[in-house]
Amino acid sequence: MTTLPPQQPTSPATPVPVDPYPNKALAVLLTTIVGVVTQWLSTGHFSLGQEGATAIVGAVATLLVWAVSNFKRRGF
């Protein structure tokens, strides 16, 4: 008869923080696109003065939201 040694209790794995709203960056991106298209349609032309500036700021905001969300998810 083979006897097995008693098993050592295993410590539970540290839970990884889960972002309850993982689509924040997607929401910022879609809001930016809708804002740029609305401005473009209301002015009739695309210019860096208004629509381009909104697109650039929206892209930066999207990247920042994504970076902060992933930064928090990694638990730093």
N, C-alpha and C. Protein backbone atom coordinates (compact mmCIF):
# COMPACT_ATOMS: atom_id res chain seq x y z
N MET A 1 0.84 -1.16 0.00
CA MET A 1 0.00 0.00 0.00
C MET A 1 0.89 1.23 0.00
N THR A 2 0.56 2.17 -0.85
CA THR A 2 1.34 3.40 -0.96
C THR A 2 0.66 4.47 -0.13
N THR A 3 1.45 5.13 0.68
CA THR A 3 0.89 6.25 1.44
C THR A 3 1.45 7.54 0.88
N LEU A 4 0.59 8.47 0.74
CA LEU A 4 0.98 9.78 0.21
C LEU A 4 1.28 10.72 1.36
N PRO A 5 2.29 11.57 1.18
CA PRO A 5 2.58 12.54 2.24
C PRO A 5 1.44 13.55 2.34
N PRO A 6 1.21 14.11 3.52
CA PRO A 6 0.14 15.10 3.64
C PRO A 6 0.43 16.31 2.75
N GLN A 7 -0.60 16.79 2.13
CA GLN A 7 -0.42 17.92 1.21
C GLN A 7 -0.31 19.22 2.00
N GLN A 8 0.59 20.05 1.52
CA GLN A 8 0.77 21.36 2.13
C GLN A 8 -0.37 22.28 1.66
N PRO A 9 -0.88 23.08 2.55
CA PRO A 9 -1.92 24.02 2.10
C PRO A 9 -1.32 25.03 1.13
N THR A 10 -2.02 25.26 0.07
CA THR A 10 -1.54 26.22 -0.92
C THR A 10 -2.19 27.57 -0.64
N SER A 11 -1.38 28.59 -0.79
CA SER A 11 -1.93 29.93 -0.59
C SER A 11 -2.70 30.33 -1.85
N PRO A 12 -3.80 31.01 -1.69
CA PRO A 12 -4.55 31.41 -2.87
C PRO A 12 -3.76 32.42 -3.69
N ALA A 13 -3.93 32.35 -4.98
CA ALA A 13 -3.25 33.28 -5.87
C ALA A 13 -3.75 34.69 -5.62
N THR A 14 -2.86 35.63 -5.75
CA THR A 14 -3.24 37.03 -5.58
C THR A 14 -4.17 37.42 -6.72
N PRO A 15 -5.36 37.90 -6.40
CA PRO A 15 -6.28 38.25 -7.49
C PRO A 15 -5.79 39.48 -8.25
N VAL A 16 -5.94 39.42 -9.56
CA VAL A 16 -5.59 40.55 -10.41
C VAL A 16 -6.77 41.50 -10.43
N PRO A 17 -6.54 42.80 -10.17
CA PRO A 17 -7.66 43.74 -10.20
C PRO A 17 -8.33 43.74 -11.57
N VAL A 18 -9.62 43.66 -11.57
CA VAL A 18 -10.38 43.67 -12.81
C VAL A 18 -11.09 45.00 -12.92
N ASP A 19 -10.91 45.62 -14.05
CA ASP A 19 -11.55 46.91 -14.29
C ASP A 19 -13.04 46.67 -14.55
N PRO A 20 -13.93 47.22 -13.72
CA PRO A 20 -15.36 46.96 -13.94
C PRO A 20 -15.90 47.63 -15.20
N TYR A 21 -15.18 48.59 -15.74
CA TYR A 21 -15.61 49.27 -16.96
C TYR A 21 -14.48 49.20 -17.98
N PRO A 22 -14.26 48.04 -18.63
CA PRO A 22 -13.10 47.89 -19.51
C PRO A 22 -13.21 48.66 -20.82
N ASN A 23 -14.37 49.20 -21.12
CA ASN A 23 -14.54 49.86 -22.41
C ASN A 23 -14.46 51.38 -22.32
N LYS A 24 -13.80 51.90 -21.29
CA LYS A 24 -13.69 53.36 -21.16
C LYS A 24 -12.94 53.96 -22.34
N ALA A 25 -11.84 53.35 -22.76
CA ALA A 25 -11.08 53.88 -23.88
C ALA A 25 -11.91 53.83 -25.16
N LEU A 26 -12.68 52.78 -25.34
CA LEU A 26 -13.54 52.68 -26.51
C LEU A 26 -14.62 53.75 -26.49
N ALA A 27 -15.16 54.05 -25.31
CA ALA A 27 -16.17 55.10 -25.19
C ALA A 27 -15.58 56.46 -25.54
N VAL A 28 -14.34 56.73 -25.08
CA VAL A 28 -13.68 58.00 -25.41
C VAL A 28 -13.44 58.09 -26.92
N LEU A 29 -12.99 56.99 -27.52
CA LEU A 29 -12.72 56.98 -28.95
C LEU A 29 -13.98 57.24 -29.76
N LEU A 30 -15.07 56.55 -29.41
CA LEU A 30 -16.33 56.75 -30.16
C LEU A 30 -16.88 58.15 -29.96
N THR A 31 -16.76 58.69 -28.76
CA THR A 31 -17.22 60.06 -28.52
C THR A 31 -16.41 61.05 -29.34
N THR A 32 -15.10 60.83 -29.43
CA THR A 32 -14.24 61.71 -30.23
C THR A 32 -14.62 61.64 -31.70
N ILE A 33 -14.84 60.43 -32.19
CA ILE A 33 -15.21 60.28 -33.61
C ILE A 33 -16.53 60.97 -33.90
N VAL A 34 -17.51 60.79 -33.04
CA VAL A 34 -18.81 61.45 -33.24
C VAL A 34 -18.65 62.97 -33.19
N GLY A 35 -17.83 63.46 -32.27
CA GLY A 35 -17.61 64.91 -32.17
C GLY A 35 -16.94 65.47 -33.41
N VAL A 36 -15.92 64.78 -33.91
CA VAL A 36 -15.22 65.25 -35.12
C VAL A 36 -16.14 65.23 -36.33
N VAL A 37 -16.90 64.14 -36.49
CA VAL A 37 -17.81 64.04 -37.64
C VAL A 37 -18.90 65.12 -37.55
N THR A 38 -19.41 65.37 -36.35
CA THR A 38 -20.43 66.41 -36.18
C THR A 38 -19.87 67.78 -36.55
N GLN A 39 -18.67 68.09 -36.08
CA GLN A 39 -18.05 69.37 -36.43
C GLN A 39 -17.78 69.45 -37.93
N TRP A 40 -17.32 68.36 -38.51
CA TRP A 40 -17.01 68.33 -39.93
C TRP A 40 -18.28 68.58 -40.76
N LEU A 41 -19.37 67.91 -40.38
CA LEU A 41 -20.62 68.08 -41.13
C LEU A 41 -21.21 69.47 -40.95
N SER A 42 -21.03 70.06 -39.78
CA SER A 42 -21.61 71.39 -39.56
C SER A 42 -20.82 72.49 -40.27
N THR A 43 -19.50 72.30 -40.45
CA THR A 43 -18.71 73.33 -41.14
C THR A 43 -18.62 73.07 -42.63
N GLY A 44 -18.77 71.83 -43.06
CA GLY A 44 -18.71 71.53 -44.48
C GLY A 44 -17.31 71.22 -44.98
N HIS A 45 -16.30 71.39 -44.16
CA HIS A 45 -14.94 71.06 -44.56
C HIS A 45 -14.14 70.62 -43.33
N PHE A 46 -13.06 69.89 -43.59
CA PHE A 46 -12.21 69.41 -42.50
C PHE A 46 -10.98 70.29 -42.42
N SER A 47 -10.74 70.87 -41.28
CA SER A 47 -9.56 71.72 -41.12
C SER A 47 -8.87 71.38 -39.80
N LEU A 48 -7.60 71.68 -39.74
CA LEU A 48 -6.85 71.44 -38.52
C LEU A 48 -7.26 72.42 -37.43
N GLY A 49 -7.88 73.52 -37.82
CA GLY A 49 -8.29 74.51 -36.85
C GLY A 49 -9.26 74.01 -35.82
N GLN A 50 -10.28 73.29 -36.22
CA GLN A 50 -11.29 72.85 -35.27
C GLN A 50 -11.40 71.32 -35.24
N GLU A 51 -11.75 70.71 -36.35
CA GLU A 51 -11.94 69.27 -36.36
C GLU A 51 -10.64 68.52 -36.08
N GLY A 52 -9.55 69.00 -36.65
CA GLY A 52 -8.26 68.36 -36.44
C GLY A 52 -7.81 68.45 -35.00
N ALA A 53 -8.01 69.60 -34.40
CA ALA A 53 -7.63 69.77 -32.99
C ALA A 53 -8.46 68.85 -32.11
N THR A 54 -9.75 68.72 -32.39
CA THR A 54 -10.61 67.83 -31.62
C THR A 54 -10.15 66.37 -31.80
N ALA A 55 -9.79 66.00 -33.02
CA ALA A 55 -9.32 64.64 -33.29
C ALA A 55 -8.03 64.35 -32.53
N ILE A 56 -7.10 65.31 -32.54
CA ILE A 56 -5.82 65.11 -31.84
C ILE A 56 -6.03 65.00 -30.34
N VAL A 57 -6.82 65.90 -29.77
CA VAL A 57 -7.10 65.84 -28.33
C VAL A 57 -7.83 64.56 -27.97
N GLY A 58 -8.76 64.13 -28.79
CA GLY A 58 -9.47 62.88 -28.54
C GLY A 58 -8.56 61.67 -28.60
N ALA A 59 -7.62 61.67 -29.54
CA ALA A 59 -6.67 60.56 -29.63
C ALA A 59 -5.78 60.51 -28.40
N VAL A 60 -5.32 61.66 -27.95
CA VAL A 60 -4.49 61.71 -26.74
C VAL A 60 -5.30 61.25 -25.53
N ALA A 61 -6.54 61.69 -25.43
CA ALA A 61 -7.40 61.28 -24.31
C ALA A 61 -7.65 59.77 -24.34
N THR A 62 -7.87 59.21 -25.53
CA THR A 62 -8.08 57.77 -25.65
C THR A 62 -6.86 57.01 -25.16
N LEU A 63 -5.68 57.43 -25.58
CA LEU A 63 -4.45 56.76 -25.15
C LEU A 63 -4.24 56.89 -23.64
N LEU A 64 -4.54 58.05 -23.09
CA LEU A 64 -4.37 58.23 -21.64
C LEU A 64 -5.34 57.35 -20.85
N VAL A 65 -6.59 57.29 -21.28
CA VAL A 65 -7.58 56.45 -20.59
C VAL A 65 -7.16 55.00 -20.67
N TRP A 66 -6.70 54.56 -21.84
CA TRP A 66 -6.25 53.18 -22.00
C TRP A 66 -5.04 52.90 -21.11
N ALA A 67 -4.07 53.82 -21.08
CA ALA A 67 -2.86 53.62 -20.29
C ALA A 67 -3.19 53.57 -18.79
N VAL A 68 -4.02 54.48 -18.32
CA VAL A 68 -4.38 54.49 -16.90
C VAL A 68 -5.16 53.24 -16.53
N SER A 69 -6.06 52.81 -17.40
CA SER A 69 -6.84 51.61 -17.13
C SER A 69 -5.93 50.39 -17.04
N ASN A 70 -4.99 50.25 -17.95
CA ASN A 70 -4.07 49.11 -17.92
C ASN A 70 -3.07 49.24 -16.78
N PHE A 71 -2.68 50.45 -16.44
CA PHE A 71 -1.76 50.67 -15.32
C PHE A 71 -2.40 50.20 -14.02
N LYS A 72 -3.68 50.54 -13.82
CA LYS A 72 -4.40 50.14 -12.62
C LYS A 72 -4.65 48.63 -12.62
N ARG A 73 -4.88 48.05 -13.78
CA ARG A 73 -5.18 46.62 -13.88
C ARG A 73 -3.96 45.78 -13.50
N ARG A 74 -2.76 46.28 -13.78
CA ARG A 74 -1.55 45.53 -13.45
C ARG A 74 -1.21 45.63 -11.97
N GLY A 75 -1.87 46.51 -11.25
CA GLY A 75 -1.69 46.59 -9.81
C GLY A 75 -0.48 47.37 -9.36
N PHE A 76 0.01 48.26 -10.18
CA PHE A 76 1.16 49.08 -9.78
C PHE A 76 0.73 50.17 -8.84
